[in-house]
N, C-alpha and C. Protein backbone atom coordinates (compact mmCIF):
# COMPACT_ATOMS: atom_id res chain seq x y z
N UNK A 1 -10.43 -9.65 2.92
CA UNK A 1 -9.09 -9.76 3.46
C UNK A 1 -8.54 -8.35 3.69
N UNK A 2 -7.70 -8.19 4.68
CA UNK A 2 -7.12 -6.89 4.97
C UNK A 2 -5.71 -7.08 5.52
N UNK A 3 -5.02 -5.97 5.72
CA UNK A 3 -3.67 -6.05 6.26
C UNK A 3 -3.71 -6.37 7.76
N UNK A 4 -4.51 -5.62 8.50
CA UNK A 4 -4.60 -5.84 9.93
C UNK A 4 -6.07 -5.86 10.33
N UNK A 5 -6.34 -6.20 11.59
CA UNK A 5 -7.72 -6.25 12.06
C UNK A 5 -7.79 -5.78 13.51
N UNK A 6 -9.00 -5.65 14.00
CA UNK A 6 -9.23 -5.14 15.35
C UNK A 6 -8.55 -6.00 16.40
N UNK A 7 -8.68 -7.31 16.28
CA UNK A 7 -8.09 -8.22 17.28
C UNK A 7 -6.58 -8.05 17.35
N UNK A 8 -5.93 -7.95 16.20
CA UNK A 8 -4.47 -7.80 16.15
C UNK A 8 -4.03 -6.49 16.81
N UNK A 9 -4.75 -5.42 16.51
CA UNK A 9 -4.41 -4.11 17.08
C UNK A 9 -4.63 -4.11 18.60
N UNK A 10 -5.71 -4.73 19.06
CA UNK A 10 -5.98 -4.79 20.50
C UNK A 10 -4.89 -5.59 21.24
N UNK A 11 -4.44 -6.67 20.63
CA UNK A 11 -3.37 -7.45 21.24
C UNK A 11 -2.10 -6.59 21.34
N UNK A 12 -1.78 -5.87 20.26
CA UNK A 12 -0.58 -5.04 20.25
C UNK A 12 -0.66 -3.91 21.28
N UNK A 13 -1.86 -3.40 21.50
CA UNK A 13 -2.06 -2.33 22.48
C UNK A 13 -2.27 -2.87 23.90
N UNK A 14 -2.28 -4.18 24.02
CA UNK A 14 -2.50 -4.87 25.30
C UNK A 14 -3.86 -4.51 25.90
N UNK A 15 -4.85 -4.43 25.04
CA UNK A 15 -6.23 -4.22 25.47
C UNK A 15 -6.90 -5.58 25.47
N UNK A 16 -7.43 -6.02 26.60
CA UNK A 16 -8.07 -7.35 26.65
C UNK A 16 -9.22 -7.46 25.64
N UNK A 17 -9.35 -8.62 25.05
CA UNK A 17 -10.42 -8.85 24.06
C UNK A 17 -11.79 -8.56 24.66
N UNK A 18 -11.96 -8.82 25.95
CA UNK A 18 -13.26 -8.60 26.61
C UNK A 18 -13.58 -7.12 26.77
N UNK A 19 -12.58 -6.26 26.71
CA UNK A 19 -12.80 -4.81 26.85
C UNK A 19 -13.18 -4.25 25.48
N UNK A 20 -14.46 -3.97 25.33
CA UNK A 20 -14.95 -3.48 24.03
C UNK A 20 -15.26 -1.99 24.05
N UNK A 21 -14.83 -1.30 25.10
CA UNK A 21 -15.18 0.12 25.25
C UNK A 21 -14.62 1.00 24.14
N UNK A 22 -13.51 0.60 23.53
CA UNK A 22 -12.91 1.41 22.47
C UNK A 22 -13.01 0.77 21.10
N UNK A 23 -13.76 -0.31 20.99
CA UNK A 23 -13.78 -1.08 19.74
C UNK A 23 -14.19 -0.25 18.52
N UNK A 24 -15.22 0.58 18.66
CA UNK A 24 -15.68 1.37 17.51
C UNK A 24 -14.58 2.31 17.03
N UNK A 25 -13.94 2.98 17.97
CA UNK A 25 -12.86 3.91 17.63
C UNK A 25 -11.66 3.16 17.04
N UNK A 26 -11.28 2.05 17.66
CA UNK A 26 -10.16 1.26 17.15
C UNK A 26 -10.46 0.71 15.76
N UNK A 27 -11.70 0.32 15.52
CA UNK A 27 -12.06 -0.20 14.19
C UNK A 27 -11.91 0.89 13.14
N UNK A 28 -12.23 2.14 13.48
CA UNK A 28 -12.02 3.25 12.55
C UNK A 28 -10.54 3.39 12.21
N UNK A 29 -9.68 3.25 13.22
CA UNK A 29 -8.24 3.35 12.99
C UNK A 29 -7.73 2.19 12.15
N UNK A 30 -8.24 0.99 12.41
CA UNK A 30 -7.88 -0.19 11.62
C UNK A 30 -8.29 0.01 10.16
N UNK A 31 -9.53 0.48 9.96
CA UNK A 31 -10.00 0.73 8.59
C UNK A 31 -9.14 1.79 7.91
N UNK A 32 -8.79 2.83 8.66
CA UNK A 32 -7.95 3.89 8.10
C UNK A 32 -6.58 3.38 7.72
N UNK A 33 -5.97 2.57 8.58
CA UNK A 33 -4.65 2.01 8.29
C UNK A 33 -4.71 1.08 7.07
N UNK A 34 -5.73 0.24 7.01
CA UNK A 34 -5.88 -0.66 5.86
C UNK A 34 -6.07 0.12 4.57
N UNK A 35 -6.90 1.17 4.61
CA UNK A 35 -7.13 1.98 3.41
C UNK A 35 -5.87 2.72 2.97
N UNK A 36 -5.11 3.23 3.93
CA UNK A 36 -3.85 3.90 3.60
C UNK A 36 -2.90 2.94 2.91
N UNK A 37 -2.80 1.74 3.46
CA UNK A 37 -1.90 0.73 2.88
C UNK A 37 -2.37 0.32 1.47
N UNK A 38 -3.67 0.09 1.31
CA UNK A 38 -4.20 -0.28 -0.01
C UNK A 38 -3.92 0.80 -1.04
N UNK A 39 -4.06 2.06 -0.63
CA UNK A 39 -3.86 3.16 -1.58
C UNK A 39 -2.41 3.23 -2.07
N UNK A 40 -1.47 2.77 -1.27
CA UNK A 40 -0.07 2.76 -1.70
C UNK A 40 0.14 1.85 -2.90
N UNK A 41 -0.63 0.77 -2.96
CA UNK A 41 -0.51 -0.20 -4.05
C UNK A 41 -1.62 -0.02 -5.10
N UNK A 42 -2.47 0.99 -4.91
CA UNK A 42 -3.61 1.26 -5.80
C UNK A 42 -4.59 0.09 -5.84
N UNK A 43 -4.72 -0.63 -4.74
CA UNK A 43 -5.58 -1.81 -4.68
C UNK A 43 -6.91 -1.48 -4.01
N UNK A 44 -7.92 -2.30 -4.30
CA UNK A 44 -9.20 -2.20 -3.60
C UNK A 44 -9.32 -3.26 -2.51
N UNK A 45 -8.44 -4.26 -2.55
CA UNK A 45 -8.45 -5.35 -1.58
C UNK A 45 -7.06 -5.98 -1.57
N UNK A 46 -6.70 -6.61 -0.46
CA UNK A 46 -5.42 -7.30 -0.42
C UNK A 46 -5.49 -8.64 -1.16
N UNK A 47 -6.68 -9.25 -1.22
CA UNK A 47 -6.85 -10.54 -1.90
C UNK A 47 -6.65 -10.37 -3.41
N UNK A 48 -6.25 -11.42 -4.11
CA UNK A 48 -6.10 -11.33 -5.56
C UNK A 48 -7.39 -10.84 -6.21
N UNK A 49 -7.27 -9.76 -6.97
CA UNK A 49 -8.41 -9.10 -7.60
C UNK A 49 -8.05 -8.76 -9.03
N UNK A 50 -9.02 -8.82 -9.92
CA UNK A 50 -8.79 -8.49 -11.33
C UNK A 50 -8.99 -7.00 -11.55
N UNK A 51 -8.05 -6.39 -12.26
CA UNK A 51 -8.09 -4.97 -12.60
C UNK A 51 -7.90 -4.81 -14.11
N UNK A 52 -8.60 -3.86 -14.69
CA UNK A 52 -8.46 -3.56 -16.12
C UNK A 52 -8.17 -2.08 -16.28
N UNK A 53 -7.11 -1.75 -17.01
CA UNK A 53 -6.74 -0.35 -17.24
C UNK A 53 -6.37 -0.15 -18.70
N UNK A 54 -6.57 1.08 -19.15
CA UNK A 54 -6.19 1.47 -20.50
C UNK A 54 -4.99 2.41 -20.40
N UNK A 55 -3.98 2.16 -21.21
CA UNK A 55 -2.73 2.90 -21.15
C UNK A 55 -2.45 3.63 -22.46
N UNK A 56 -1.80 4.78 -22.35
CA UNK A 56 -1.35 5.53 -23.52
C UNK A 56 0.06 5.08 -23.87
N UNK A 57 0.29 4.79 -25.13
CA UNK A 57 1.64 4.50 -25.62
C UNK A 57 1.80 5.34 -26.88
N UNK A 58 2.53 6.43 -26.76
CA UNK A 58 2.61 7.37 -27.87
C UNK A 58 3.76 7.05 -28.83
N UNK A 59 4.98 6.96 -28.32
CA UNK A 59 6.14 6.83 -29.20
C UNK A 59 6.79 5.45 -29.17
N UNK A 60 6.16 4.50 -28.55
CA UNK A 60 6.78 3.18 -28.41
C UNK A 60 7.59 3.14 -27.13
N UNK A 61 7.38 2.11 -26.34
CA UNK A 61 8.07 1.97 -25.06
C UNK A 61 8.80 0.64 -25.08
N UNK A 62 10.11 0.69 -24.94
CA UNK A 62 10.88 -0.56 -24.96
C UNK A 62 11.02 -1.15 -23.55
N UNK A 63 11.04 -0.27 -22.54
CA UNK A 63 11.28 -0.74 -21.18
C UNK A 63 10.11 -1.55 -20.64
N UNK A 64 8.90 -1.09 -20.85
CA UNK A 64 7.72 -1.79 -20.38
C UNK A 64 6.65 -0.82 -19.91
N UNK A 65 5.52 -1.36 -19.52
CA UNK A 65 4.40 -0.58 -19.01
C UNK A 65 4.22 -0.91 -17.54
N UNK A 66 4.23 0.12 -16.70
CA UNK A 66 4.00 -0.09 -15.27
C UNK A 66 2.51 -0.24 -15.03
N UNK A 67 2.10 -1.39 -14.51
CA UNK A 67 0.70 -1.62 -14.19
C UNK A 67 0.31 -0.74 -13.01
N UNK A 68 -0.88 -0.19 -13.04
CA UNK A 68 -1.32 0.73 -11.99
C UNK A 68 -1.39 0.01 -10.65
N UNK A 69 -2.05 -1.13 -10.60
CA UNK A 69 -2.21 -1.87 -9.35
C UNK A 69 -1.14 -2.95 -9.25
N UNK A 70 -0.56 -3.05 -8.09
CA UNK A 70 0.47 -4.08 -7.86
C UNK A 70 0.47 -4.42 -6.38
N UNK A 71 1.04 -5.57 -5.99
CA UNK A 71 1.90 -6.47 -6.74
C UNK A 71 1.10 -7.28 -7.77
N UNK A 72 1.70 -7.45 -8.93
CA UNK A 72 1.07 -8.21 -10.01
C UNK A 72 1.26 -9.70 -9.76
N UNK A 73 0.18 -10.43 -9.91
CA UNK A 73 0.26 -11.89 -9.78
C UNK A 73 0.33 -12.53 -11.16
N UNK A 74 -0.55 -12.07 -12.06
CA UNK A 74 -0.55 -12.61 -13.42
C UNK A 74 -1.26 -11.65 -14.36
N UNK A 75 -1.04 -11.86 -15.65
CA UNK A 75 -1.69 -11.08 -16.69
C UNK A 75 -2.80 -11.94 -17.28
N UNK A 76 -4.01 -11.38 -17.33
CA UNK A 76 -5.15 -12.11 -17.90
C UNK A 76 -5.21 -11.92 -19.40
N UNK A 77 -5.10 -10.65 -19.85
CA UNK A 77 -5.11 -10.37 -21.29
C UNK A 77 -4.52 -9.00 -21.57
N UNK A 78 -4.01 -8.86 -22.80
CA UNK A 78 -3.49 -7.57 -23.27
C UNK A 78 -4.04 -7.36 -24.68
N UNK A 79 -4.65 -6.20 -24.88
CA UNK A 79 -5.16 -5.82 -26.18
C UNK A 79 -4.42 -4.56 -26.62
N UNK A 80 -3.84 -4.60 -27.82
CA UNK A 80 -3.13 -3.44 -28.37
C UNK A 80 -3.79 -3.03 -29.67
N UNK A 81 -4.25 -1.79 -29.73
CA UNK A 81 -4.93 -1.25 -30.91
C UNK A 81 -6.07 -2.17 -31.35
N UNK A 82 -6.82 -2.68 -30.37
CA UNK A 82 -7.98 -3.51 -30.66
C UNK A 82 -7.67 -4.97 -30.94
N UNK A 83 -6.41 -5.36 -30.93
CA UNK A 83 -6.03 -6.74 -31.23
C UNK A 83 -5.53 -7.43 -29.96
N UNK A 84 -6.10 -8.59 -29.66
CA UNK A 84 -5.69 -9.38 -28.51
C UNK A 84 -4.31 -9.99 -28.77
N UNK A 85 -3.37 -9.71 -27.87
CA UNK A 85 -2.02 -10.25 -28.04
C UNK A 85 -1.94 -11.66 -27.46
N UNK A 86 -1.10 -12.47 -28.06
CA UNK A 86 -0.86 -13.80 -27.55
C UNK A 86 -0.04 -13.69 -26.26
N UNK A 87 -0.32 -14.54 -25.29
CA UNK A 87 0.36 -14.50 -23.99
C UNK A 87 1.87 -14.69 -24.12
N UNK A 88 2.31 -15.33 -25.19
CA UNK A 88 3.75 -15.53 -25.39
C UNK A 88 4.45 -14.25 -25.86
N UNK A 89 3.68 -13.21 -26.14
CA UNK A 89 4.22 -11.96 -26.67
C UNK A 89 4.64 -10.96 -25.58
N UNK A 90 4.33 -11.25 -24.31
CA UNK A 90 4.64 -10.32 -23.22
C UNK A 90 4.95 -11.09 -21.95
N UNK A 91 5.55 -10.40 -20.98
CA UNK A 91 5.89 -11.04 -19.71
C UNK A 91 6.05 -9.99 -18.63
N UNK A 92 5.93 -10.42 -17.38
CA UNK A 92 6.18 -9.54 -16.24
C UNK A 92 7.67 -9.57 -15.93
N UNK A 93 8.29 -8.39 -15.96
CA UNK A 93 9.72 -8.32 -15.64
C UNK A 93 9.94 -8.53 -14.16
N UNK A 94 11.12 -8.96 -13.79
CA UNK A 94 11.47 -9.17 -12.38
C UNK A 94 11.85 -7.86 -11.74
N UNK A 95 11.52 -7.62 -10.46
CA UNK A 95 10.65 -8.49 -9.70
C UNK A 95 9.21 -8.32 -10.16
N UNK A 96 8.55 -9.43 -10.38
CA UNK A 96 7.17 -9.41 -10.87
C UNK A 96 6.25 -8.59 -9.99
N UNK A 97 6.54 -8.58 -8.70
CA UNK A 97 5.65 -7.90 -7.76
C UNK A 97 5.51 -6.42 -8.05
N UNK A 98 6.51 -5.80 -8.73
CA UNK A 98 6.41 -4.37 -9.03
C UNK A 98 5.50 -4.08 -10.23
N UNK A 99 5.15 -5.10 -10.99
CA UNK A 99 4.17 -4.93 -12.06
C UNK A 99 4.65 -4.20 -13.30
N UNK A 100 5.81 -4.58 -13.82
CA UNK A 100 6.31 -4.00 -15.07
C UNK A 100 6.09 -5.02 -16.19
N UNK A 101 5.23 -4.68 -17.13
CA UNK A 101 4.88 -5.58 -18.23
C UNK A 101 5.70 -5.22 -19.46
N UNK A 102 6.46 -6.17 -19.97
CA UNK A 102 7.32 -5.95 -21.13
C UNK A 102 6.89 -6.85 -22.28
N UNK A 103 7.26 -6.44 -23.48
CA UNK A 103 7.01 -7.28 -24.67
C UNK A 103 8.27 -8.02 -25.05
N UNK A 104 8.08 -9.17 -25.65
CA UNK A 104 9.21 -9.96 -26.14
C UNK A 104 9.53 -9.52 -27.57
N UNK A 105 10.79 -9.23 -27.83
CA UNK A 105 11.30 -8.96 -29.18
C UNK A 105 10.76 -7.70 -29.86
N UNK A 106 10.02 -6.87 -29.15
CA UNK A 106 9.51 -5.64 -29.77
C UNK A 106 9.12 -4.63 -28.69
N UNK A 107 8.91 -3.39 -29.10
CA UNK A 107 8.46 -2.35 -28.18
C UNK A 107 6.94 -2.34 -28.13
N UNK A 108 6.41 -1.59 -27.17
CA UNK A 108 4.98 -1.33 -27.12
C UNK A 108 4.68 -0.20 -28.09
N UNK A 109 3.71 -0.40 -28.98
CA UNK A 109 3.27 0.66 -29.88
C UNK A 109 1.76 0.78 -29.76
N UNK A 110 1.25 1.91 -30.14
CA UNK A 110 -0.19 2.10 -30.08
C UNK A 110 -0.53 3.56 -30.24
N UNK A 111 -1.05 4.15 -29.21
CA UNK A 111 -1.46 5.54 -29.22
C UNK A 111 -2.19 5.84 -27.94
N UNK A 112 -2.94 6.91 -27.93
CA UNK A 112 -3.69 7.24 -26.72
C UNK A 112 -4.80 6.23 -26.50
N UNK A 113 -4.87 5.72 -25.27
CA UNK A 113 -5.90 4.76 -24.89
C UNK A 113 -5.94 3.53 -25.80
N UNK A 114 -4.76 3.09 -26.23
CA UNK A 114 -4.69 1.97 -27.18
C UNK A 114 -4.33 0.63 -26.56
N UNK A 115 -3.74 0.63 -25.38
CA UNK A 115 -3.32 -0.63 -24.75
C UNK A 115 -4.25 -0.91 -23.57
N UNK A 116 -4.95 -2.03 -23.61
CA UNK A 116 -5.85 -2.42 -22.52
C UNK A 116 -5.26 -3.66 -21.86
N UNK A 117 -4.99 -3.54 -20.58
CA UNK A 117 -4.37 -4.65 -19.85
C UNK A 117 -5.27 -5.07 -18.71
N UNK A 118 -5.57 -6.37 -18.67
CA UNK A 118 -6.32 -6.94 -17.54
C UNK A 118 -5.34 -7.83 -16.78
N UNK A 119 -5.23 -7.57 -15.49
CA UNK A 119 -4.29 -8.37 -14.69
C UNK A 119 -4.85 -8.61 -13.29
N UNK A 120 -4.22 -9.55 -12.60
CA UNK A 120 -4.60 -9.87 -11.23
C UNK A 120 -3.50 -9.34 -10.32
N UNK A 121 -3.91 -8.59 -9.29
CA UNK A 121 -2.94 -8.02 -8.35
C UNK A 121 -3.43 -8.25 -6.92
N UNK A 122 -2.49 -8.28 -5.99
CA UNK A 122 -2.81 -8.50 -4.58
C UNK A 122 -1.91 -9.59 -4.03
N UNK A 123 -2.36 -10.20 -2.95
CA UNK A 123 -1.58 -11.28 -2.32
C UNK A 123 -2.48 -12.47 -2.04
N UNK A 124 -1.97 -13.66 -2.28
CA UNK A 124 -2.67 -14.88 -1.85
C UNK A 124 -2.57 -14.94 -0.32
N UNK A 125 -1.37 -14.65 0.19
CA UNK A 125 -1.13 -14.54 1.63
C UNK A 125 -0.40 -13.22 1.85
N UNK A 126 -0.98 -12.33 2.64
CA UNK A 126 -0.34 -11.05 2.91
C UNK A 126 0.93 -11.29 3.72
N UNK A 127 2.06 -10.74 3.28
CA UNK A 127 3.31 -10.93 4.03
C UNK A 127 3.18 -10.41 5.47
N UNK A 128 3.78 -11.14 6.41
CA UNK A 128 3.68 -10.77 7.82
C UNK A 128 4.21 -9.38 8.08
N UNK A 129 5.25 -8.99 7.34
CA UNK A 129 5.82 -7.67 7.56
C UNK A 129 4.83 -6.56 7.20
N UNK A 130 3.95 -6.80 6.22
CA UNK A 130 2.94 -5.80 5.87
C UNK A 130 1.80 -5.78 6.88
N UNK A 131 1.49 -6.94 7.45
CA UNK A 131 0.50 -6.99 8.52
C UNK A 131 1.01 -6.17 9.70
N UNK A 132 2.27 -6.37 10.02
CA UNK A 132 2.88 -5.62 11.13
C UNK A 132 2.92 -4.12 10.81
N UNK A 133 3.24 -3.76 9.57
CA UNK A 133 3.31 -2.36 9.18
C UNK A 133 1.95 -1.66 9.35
N UNK A 134 0.88 -2.34 8.94
CA UNK A 134 -0.47 -1.77 9.09
C UNK A 134 -0.86 -1.68 10.55
N UNK A 135 -0.48 -2.67 11.33
CA UNK A 135 -0.79 -2.65 12.77
C UNK A 135 -0.07 -1.49 13.45
N UNK A 136 1.19 -1.30 13.11
CA UNK A 136 1.96 -0.19 13.68
C UNK A 136 1.35 1.14 13.26
N UNK A 137 0.87 1.22 12.04
CA UNK A 137 0.24 2.45 11.56
C UNK A 137 -1.02 2.76 12.36
N UNK A 138 -1.85 1.76 12.59
CA UNK A 138 -3.08 1.95 13.38
C UNK A 138 -2.74 2.36 14.82
N UNK A 139 -1.74 1.72 15.41
CA UNK A 139 -1.32 2.04 16.78
C UNK A 139 -0.76 3.46 16.84
N UNK A 140 -0.01 3.84 15.82
CA UNK A 140 0.56 5.18 15.77
C UNK A 140 -0.56 6.23 15.74
N UNK A 141 -1.59 5.98 14.93
CA UNK A 141 -2.72 6.91 14.87
C UNK A 141 -3.41 6.99 16.23
N UNK A 142 -3.53 5.88 16.90
CA UNK A 142 -4.13 5.83 18.24
C UNK A 142 -3.30 6.65 19.21
N UNK A 143 -1.99 6.45 19.21
CA UNK A 143 -1.11 7.17 20.13
C UNK A 143 -1.04 8.66 19.83
N UNK A 144 -1.03 9.01 18.55
CA UNK A 144 -0.98 10.43 18.19
C UNK A 144 -2.25 11.15 18.62
N UNK A 145 -3.37 10.50 18.50
CA UNK A 145 -4.65 11.11 18.90
C UNK A 145 -4.68 11.36 20.40
N UNK A 146 -4.23 10.38 21.16
CA UNK A 146 -4.25 10.49 22.62
C UNK A 146 -3.26 11.54 23.11
N UNK A 147 -2.09 11.60 22.45
CA UNK A 147 -1.03 12.49 22.93
C UNK A 147 -0.87 13.73 22.06
N UNK A 148 -1.90 14.11 21.35
CA UNK A 148 -1.81 15.25 20.45
C UNK A 148 -1.32 16.49 21.19
N UNK A 149 -0.23 17.05 20.73
CA UNK A 149 0.33 18.24 21.34
C UNK A 149 1.22 17.98 22.54
N UNK A 150 1.28 16.74 22.98
CA UNK A 150 2.04 16.38 24.18
C UNK A 150 3.35 15.74 23.77
N UNK A 151 4.46 16.18 24.31
CA UNK A 151 5.74 15.60 23.96
C UNK A 151 6.36 14.85 25.12
N UNK A 152 6.50 15.46 26.27
CA UNK A 152 7.14 14.77 27.39
C UNK A 152 6.71 15.37 28.71
N UNK A 153 6.99 14.64 29.77
CA UNK A 153 6.67 15.10 31.12
C UNK A 153 7.75 14.55 32.05
N UNK A 154 8.22 15.37 32.96
CA UNK A 154 9.25 14.96 33.90
C UNK A 154 8.68 15.16 35.30
N UNK A 155 8.91 14.22 36.20
CA UNK A 155 8.34 14.31 37.55
C UNK A 155 9.23 15.12 38.50
N UNK A 156 10.52 14.78 38.62
CA UNK A 156 11.42 15.54 39.50
C UNK A 156 11.59 16.95 38.96
N UNK A 157 11.30 17.98 39.77
CA UNK A 157 11.27 19.36 39.31
C UNK A 157 10.39 19.43 38.06
N UNK A 158 9.15 19.20 38.26
CA UNK A 158 8.14 19.00 37.22
C UNK A 158 8.41 19.78 35.93
N UNK A 159 8.37 19.11 34.81
CA UNK A 159 8.57 19.71 33.50
C UNK A 159 7.56 19.10 32.54
N UNK A 160 6.86 19.93 31.80
CA UNK A 160 5.85 19.50 30.85
C UNK A 160 6.19 20.16 29.52
N UNK A 161 6.33 19.37 28.45
CA UNK A 161 6.72 19.92 27.16
C UNK A 161 5.64 19.64 26.12
N UNK A 162 5.24 20.68 25.43
CA UNK A 162 4.31 20.54 24.33
C UNK A 162 5.07 20.46 23.02
N UNK A 163 4.63 19.57 22.16
CA UNK A 163 5.22 19.47 20.83
C UNK A 163 4.19 19.93 19.82
N UNK A 164 4.52 19.79 18.57
CA UNK A 164 3.57 20.11 17.52
C UNK A 164 2.42 19.12 17.58
N UNK A 165 1.17 19.57 17.41
CA UNK A 165 0.04 18.64 17.42
C UNK A 165 0.14 17.58 16.34
N UNK A 166 0.93 17.83 15.33
CA UNK A 166 1.04 16.85 14.24
C UNK A 166 2.21 15.90 14.42
N UNK A 167 2.96 16.05 15.50
CA UNK A 167 4.15 15.22 15.64
C UNK A 167 4.08 14.30 16.82
N UNK A 168 4.87 13.25 16.77
CA UNK A 168 4.96 12.31 17.86
C UNK A 168 6.41 12.01 18.15
N UNK A 169 6.67 11.40 19.27
CA UNK A 169 8.05 11.12 19.65
C UNK A 169 8.63 9.91 18.93
N UNK A 170 7.80 9.18 18.20
CA UNK A 170 8.29 7.97 17.52
C UNK A 170 8.68 8.24 16.07
N UNK A 171 8.75 9.47 15.67
CA UNK A 171 9.15 9.79 14.30
C UNK A 171 7.96 9.93 13.37
N UNK A 172 6.76 9.69 13.84
CA UNK A 172 5.58 9.82 13.00
C UNK A 172 5.10 11.26 13.01
N UNK A 173 4.59 11.70 11.88
CA UNK A 173 3.98 13.02 11.81
C UNK A 173 2.68 12.90 11.05
N UNK A 174 1.82 13.91 11.18
CA UNK A 174 0.54 13.88 10.49
C UNK A 174 0.78 13.77 8.99
N UNK A 175 0.02 12.92 8.33
CA UNK A 175 0.18 12.73 6.90
C UNK A 175 1.41 11.92 6.55
N UNK A 176 2.06 11.33 7.53
CA UNK A 176 3.28 10.57 7.30
C UNK A 176 3.16 9.24 8.03
N UNK A 177 3.98 8.27 7.64
CA UNK A 177 3.96 6.98 8.29
C UNK A 177 5.03 6.91 9.36
N UNK A 178 4.80 6.10 10.39
CA UNK A 178 5.85 5.87 11.39
C UNK A 178 7.08 5.24 10.72
N UNK A 179 8.24 5.51 11.28
CA UNK A 179 9.49 5.00 10.71
C UNK A 179 9.47 3.49 10.54
N UNK A 180 8.91 2.77 11.51
CA UNK A 180 8.87 1.31 11.44
C UNK A 180 8.03 0.84 10.24
N UNK A 181 6.94 1.53 9.97
CA UNK A 181 6.09 1.18 8.83
C UNK A 181 6.82 1.49 7.53
N UNK A 182 7.50 2.63 7.47
CA UNK A 182 8.25 2.99 6.26
C UNK A 182 9.31 1.94 5.94
N UNK A 183 10.02 1.49 6.97
CA UNK A 183 11.06 0.47 6.74
C UNK A 183 10.45 -0.82 6.20
N UNK A 184 9.32 -1.21 6.75
CA UNK A 184 8.66 -2.45 6.31
C UNK A 184 8.18 -2.33 4.86
N UNK A 185 7.69 -1.15 4.49
CA UNK A 185 7.15 -0.95 3.15
C UNK A 185 8.23 -0.80 2.08
N UNK A 186 9.42 -0.42 2.49
CA UNK A 186 10.49 -0.10 1.53
C UNK A 186 10.74 -1.21 0.52
N UNK A 187 10.68 -2.44 0.94
CA UNK A 187 10.98 -3.55 0.03
C UNK A 187 9.80 -3.93 -0.87
N UNK A 188 8.61 -3.37 -0.59
CA UNK A 188 7.42 -3.74 -1.36
C UNK A 188 6.93 -2.65 -2.30
N UNK A 189 7.28 -1.39 -1.99
CA UNK A 189 6.78 -0.29 -2.81
C UNK A 189 7.74 0.08 -3.93
N UNK A 190 7.18 0.45 -5.07
CA UNK A 190 8.00 1.01 -6.14
C UNK A 190 8.52 2.35 -5.64
N UNK A 191 9.74 2.70 -5.97
CA UNK A 191 10.29 3.95 -5.45
C UNK A 191 9.82 5.19 -6.19
N UNK A 192 8.80 5.06 -7.02
CA UNK A 192 8.29 6.19 -7.81
C UNK A 192 6.83 5.94 -8.12
N UNK A 193 6.16 6.98 -8.56
CA UNK A 193 4.76 6.84 -9.00
C UNK A 193 4.77 6.62 -10.50
N UNK A 194 4.00 5.63 -10.98
CA UNK A 194 3.97 5.39 -12.43
C UNK A 194 3.32 6.56 -13.15
N UNK A 195 3.72 6.80 -14.39
CA UNK A 195 3.20 7.94 -15.15
C UNK A 195 1.84 7.65 -15.74
N UNK A 196 1.47 6.39 -15.90
CA UNK A 196 0.19 6.04 -16.52
C UNK A 196 -0.94 6.09 -15.52
């Protein structure tokens, strides 16, 4: 499963399905867009996948532990200092999709590499807005490559303007996402990087 695919990107670019002359190049862009999106959530796939991580808890954490991969679907098991915790002892705080695991009635205690959490993260159905965000990202990479260094052209009293090779007229820059993709991702991404 992925965020976007070759067929979706070709439709958005208005390239007929029968025209396969750019398919290899477009597939590279699709793969790149999907990988960029996956890396934002620390996922290996968009489909529900099991992940296991070990966390440091030095002084006790009352707020919770941010799971590395998200959105979190469910917790499979939690082991603290070698002891398997009962599922009734912890819960995913709201919004669950951000992956904050909290304990009921107590803080997290342990030490370095003492908390082992196995959880399932990803999507059963990828939200349409994320499919669109990945598609826009792939199209943006396509447009930036074609127009690298080109900003505008005027026909009457001919005018040709060069821009930065890393910039585009749609607000996208090299190493950055297009504005439309950023807006779509805003509701799904945690506004910070977890410390664990």
